[in-house]
């Protein structure tokens, strides 16, 4: 059995219990494929910070964003390319691109705070 989410056999969890727990958290993997732009600080094209899925990205670290490529950034938001679906989209702060639906939603539309 994979040891994801730090799940190990113990006095508290049998292997069957661990499978139930693991299956319960499987949708989280799908959520991680979504891109939520939580915040943006933009000075110029070489000096900016993005908080994506509550993680900080800057020009020197944006390449670590898996499954997406940053195409452009400005004061109002950022343009991305989804590698899986070969689709461009633009996000402003408090918006989320839902990969499965290939659509951008406002945070309040999908219950993200």
C-alpha atoms as a PDB file:
ATOM      1  CA  UNK A   1       0.000   0.000   0.000  1.00  0.00           C
ATOM      2  CA  UNK A   2       1.231   3.517  -0.786  1.00  0.00           C
ATOM      3  CA  UNK A   3       2.170   5.540   2.252  1.00  0.00           C
ATOM      4  CA  UNK A   4       0.577   8.808   1.077  1.00  0.00           C
ATOM      5  CA  UNK A   5      -0.673  11.397   3.530  1.00  0.00           C
ATOM      6  CA  UNK A   6       1.582   9.877   6.193  1.00  0.00           C
ATOM      7  CA  UNK A   7      -0.837   6.982   6.720  1.00  0.00           C
ATOM      8  CA  UNK A   8       0.743   4.009   8.445  1.00  0.00           C
ATOM      9  CA  UNK A   9      -0.588   0.862  10.061  1.00  0.00           C
ATOM     10  CA  UNK A  10      -0.949   1.426  13.776  1.00  0.00           C
ATOM     11  CA  UNK A  11      -2.952   0.464  16.804  1.00  0.00           C
ATOM     12  CA  UNK A  12      -5.569   2.955  15.621  1.00  0.00           C
ATOM     13  CA  UNK A  13      -5.828   2.170  11.897  1.00  0.00           C
ATOM     14  CA  UNK A  14      -5.982  -1.176  10.131  1.00  0.00           C
ATOM     15  CA  UNK A  15      -5.019  -1.485   6.467  1.00  0.00           C
ATOM     16  CA  UNK A  16      -8.739  -1.358   5.584  1.00  0.00           C
ATOM     17  CA  UNK A  17      -9.133   1.855   7.622  1.00  0.00           C
ATOM     18  CA  UNK A  18      -6.177   3.396   5.816  1.00  0.00           C
ATOM     19  CA  UNK A  19      -7.715   2.587   2.424  1.00  0.00           C
ATOM     20  CA  UNK A  20     -10.960   4.300   3.457  1.00  0.00           C
ATOM     21  CA  UNK A  21      -9.039   7.367   4.622  1.00  0.00           C
ATOM     22  CA  UNK A  22      -6.918   7.437   1.454  1.00  0.00           C
ATOM     23  CA  UNK A  23     -10.022   7.158  -0.764  1.00  0.00           C
ATOM     24  CA  UNK A  24     -11.677   9.967   1.178  1.00  0.00           C
ATOM     25  CA  UNK A  25      -8.767  12.307   0.361  1.00  0.00           C
ATOM     26  CA  UNK A  26      -8.474  11.344  -3.317  1.00  0.00           C
ATOM     27  CA  UNK A  27     -10.563  14.365  -4.441  1.00  0.00           C
ATOM     28  CA  UNK A  28      -7.866  16.604  -2.945  1.00  0.00           C
ATOM     29  CA  UNK A  29      -5.512  15.449  -5.701  1.00  0.00           C
ATOM     30  CA  UNK A  30      -8.018  16.718  -8.253  1.00  0.00           C
ATOM     31  CA  UNK A  31      -8.339  20.053  -6.412  1.00  0.00           C
ATOM     32  CA  UNK A  32      -4.585  20.535  -6.601  1.00  0.00           C
ATOM     33  CA  UNK A  33      -4.886  20.524 -10.372  1.00  0.00           C
ATOM     34  CA  UNK A  34      -6.935  23.692 -10.069  1.00  0.00           C
ATOM     35  CA  UNK A  35      -5.204  27.048  -9.921  1.00  0.00           C
ATOM     36  CA  UNK A  36      -6.458  29.627  -7.427  1.00  0.00           C
ATOM     37  CA  UNK A  37      -4.893  33.065  -7.608  1.00  0.00           C
ATOM     38  CA  UNK A  38      -5.127  34.149  -3.982  1.00  0.00           C
ATOM     39  CA  UNK A  39      -3.146  37.375  -4.267  1.00  0.00           C
ATOM     40  CA  UNK A  40      -0.941  39.381  -6.609  1.00  0.00           C
ATOM     41  CA  UNK A  41       1.684  42.050  -6.020  1.00  0.00           C
ATOM     42  CA  UNK A  42       2.980  43.590  -9.247  1.00  0.00           C
ATOM     43  CA  UNK A  43       5.682  46.240  -9.609  1.00  0.00           C
ATOM     44  CA  UNK A  44       6.886  45.447 -13.124  1.00  0.00           C
ATOM     45  CA  UNK A  45       7.392  42.394 -15.346  1.00  0.00           C
ATOM     46  CA  UNK A  46      10.515  41.386 -13.403  1.00  0.00           C
ATOM     47  CA  UNK A  47       9.299  42.185  -9.879  1.00  0.00           C
ATOM     48  CA  UNK A  48       6.105  40.481  -8.790  1.00  0.00           C
ATOM     49  CA  UNK A  49       4.696  37.909  -6.391  1.00  0.00           C
ATOM     50  CA  UNK A  50       1.768  35.539  -6.908  1.00  0.00           C
ATOM     51  CA  UNK A  51       0.087  33.462  -4.230  1.00  0.00           C
ATOM     52  CA  UNK A  52      -1.270  30.449  -6.080  1.00  0.00           C
ATOM     53  CA  UNK A  53      -3.074  27.787  -4.064  1.00  0.00           C
ATOM     54  CA  UNK A  54      -1.735  29.568  -0.953  1.00  0.00           C
ATOM     55  CA  UNK A  55       1.890  29.162  -2.084  1.00  0.00           C
ATOM     56  CA  UNK A  56       4.183  32.049  -2.982  1.00  0.00           C
ATOM     57  CA  UNK A  57       5.640  32.189  -6.505  1.00  0.00           C
ATOM     58  CA  UNK A  58       8.026  34.811  -7.868  1.00  0.00           C
ATOM     59  CA  UNK A  59       9.888  35.119 -11.191  1.00  0.00           C
ATOM     60  CA  UNK A  60      12.631  32.774  -9.983  1.00  0.00           C
ATOM     61  CA  UNK A  61      10.206  30.087  -8.676  1.00  0.00           C
ATOM     62  CA  UNK A  62       7.212  30.173 -11.055  1.00  0.00           C
ATOM     63  CA  UNK A  63       8.692  27.250 -13.029  1.00  0.00           C
ATOM     64  CA  UNK A  64       7.833  25.055 -10.014  1.00  0.00           C
ATOM     65  CA  UNK A  65       4.109  25.420 -10.715  1.00  0.00           C
ATOM     66  CA  UNK A  66       3.204  21.978 -12.028  1.00  0.00           C
ATOM     67  CA  UNK A  67       0.869  21.523 -14.986  1.00  0.00           C
ATOM     68  CA  UNK A  68       0.749  25.193 -15.920  1.00  0.00           C
ATOM     69  CA  UNK A  69       2.944  27.822 -17.540  1.00  0.00           C
ATOM     70  CA  UNK A  70       2.795  31.530 -16.777  1.00  0.00           C
ATOM     71  CA  UNK A  71       2.383  33.381 -20.093  1.00  0.00           C
ATOM     72  CA  UNK A  72       2.110  36.957 -18.846  1.00  0.00           C
ATOM     73  CA  UNK A  73       1.475  39.026 -15.773  1.00  0.00           C
ATOM     74  CA  UNK A  74       0.199  42.537 -15.107  1.00  0.00           C
ATOM     75  CA  UNK A  75      -1.374  44.674 -12.413  1.00  0.00           C
ATOM     76  CA  UNK A  76      -4.816  43.133 -12.874  1.00  0.00           C
ATOM     77  CA  UNK A  77      -3.903  39.455 -13.115  1.00  0.00           C
ATOM     78  CA  UNK A  78      -1.960  36.715 -14.828  1.00  0.00           C
ATOM     79  CA  UNK A  79      -2.361  34.674 -18.004  1.00  0.00           C
ATOM     80  CA  UNK A  80      -1.609  30.953 -17.794  1.00  0.00           C
ATOM     81  CA  UNK A  81      -1.441  27.997 -20.150  1.00  0.00           C
ATOM     82  CA  UNK A  82      -2.860  24.663 -18.979  1.00  0.00           C
ATOM     83  CA  UNK A  83      -0.469  21.989 -20.270  1.00  0.00           C
ATOM     84  CA  UNK A  84      -2.989  19.136 -19.944  1.00  0.00           C
ATOM     85  CA  UNK A  85      -5.774  20.736 -21.991  1.00  0.00           C
ATOM     86  CA  UNK A  86      -3.612  23.146 -24.022  1.00  0.00           C
ATOM     87  CA  UNK A  87      -5.792  26.062 -22.974  1.00  0.00           C
ATOM     88  CA  UNK A  88      -5.050  29.717 -22.155  1.00  0.00           C
ATOM     89  CA  UNK A  89      -6.862  31.435 -19.304  1.00  0.00           C
ATOM     90  CA  UNK A  90      -6.593  34.669 -17.326  1.00  0.00           C
ATOM     91  CA  UNK A  91      -6.927  34.888 -13.544  1.00  0.00           C
ATOM     92  CA  UNK A  92      -7.492  37.883 -11.336  1.00  0.00           C
ATOM     93  CA  UNK A  93      -7.101  37.653  -7.548  1.00  0.00           C
ATOM     94  CA  UNK A  94      -9.783  35.497  -5.902  1.00  0.00           C
ATOM     95  CA  UNK A  95     -10.418  33.527  -9.085  1.00  0.00           C
ATOM     96  CA  UNK A  96      -9.875  29.811  -9.669  1.00  0.00           C
ATOM     97  CA  UNK A  97      -9.348  27.908 -12.900  1.00  0.00           C
ATOM     98  CA  UNK A  98     -11.078  24.537 -12.517  1.00  0.00           C
ATOM     99  CA  UNK A  99      -9.154  22.236 -14.790  1.00  0.00           C
ATOM    100  CA  UNK A 100     -11.841  19.568 -15.054  1.00  0.00           C
ATOM    101  CA  UNK A 101     -14.390  22.131 -16.313  1.00  0.00           C
ATOM    102  CA  UNK A 102     -11.780  24.241 -18.141  1.00  0.00           C
ATOM    103  CA  UNK A 103     -13.425  27.346 -16.746  1.00  0.00           C
ATOM    104  CA  UNK A 104     -12.594  30.270 -14.449  1.00  0.00           C
ATOM    105  CA  UNK A 105     -14.780  30.856 -11.389  1.00  0.00           C
ATOM    106  CA  UNK A 106     -14.942  33.567  -8.748  1.00  0.00           C
ATOM    107  CA  UNK A 107     -13.962  32.248  -5.294  1.00  0.00           C
ATOM    108  CA  UNK A 108     -17.497  32.652  -3.934  1.00  0.00           C
ATOM    109  CA  UNK A 109     -18.917  30.552  -6.829  1.00  0.00           C
ATOM    110  CA  UNK A 110     -17.038  27.450  -5.707  1.00  0.00           C
ATOM    111  CA  UNK A 111     -16.900  28.102  -1.971  1.00  0.00           C
ATOM    112  CA  UNK A 112     -13.223  29.084  -1.683  1.00  0.00           C
ATOM    113  CA  UNK A 113     -12.362  31.707   0.897  1.00  0.00           C
END
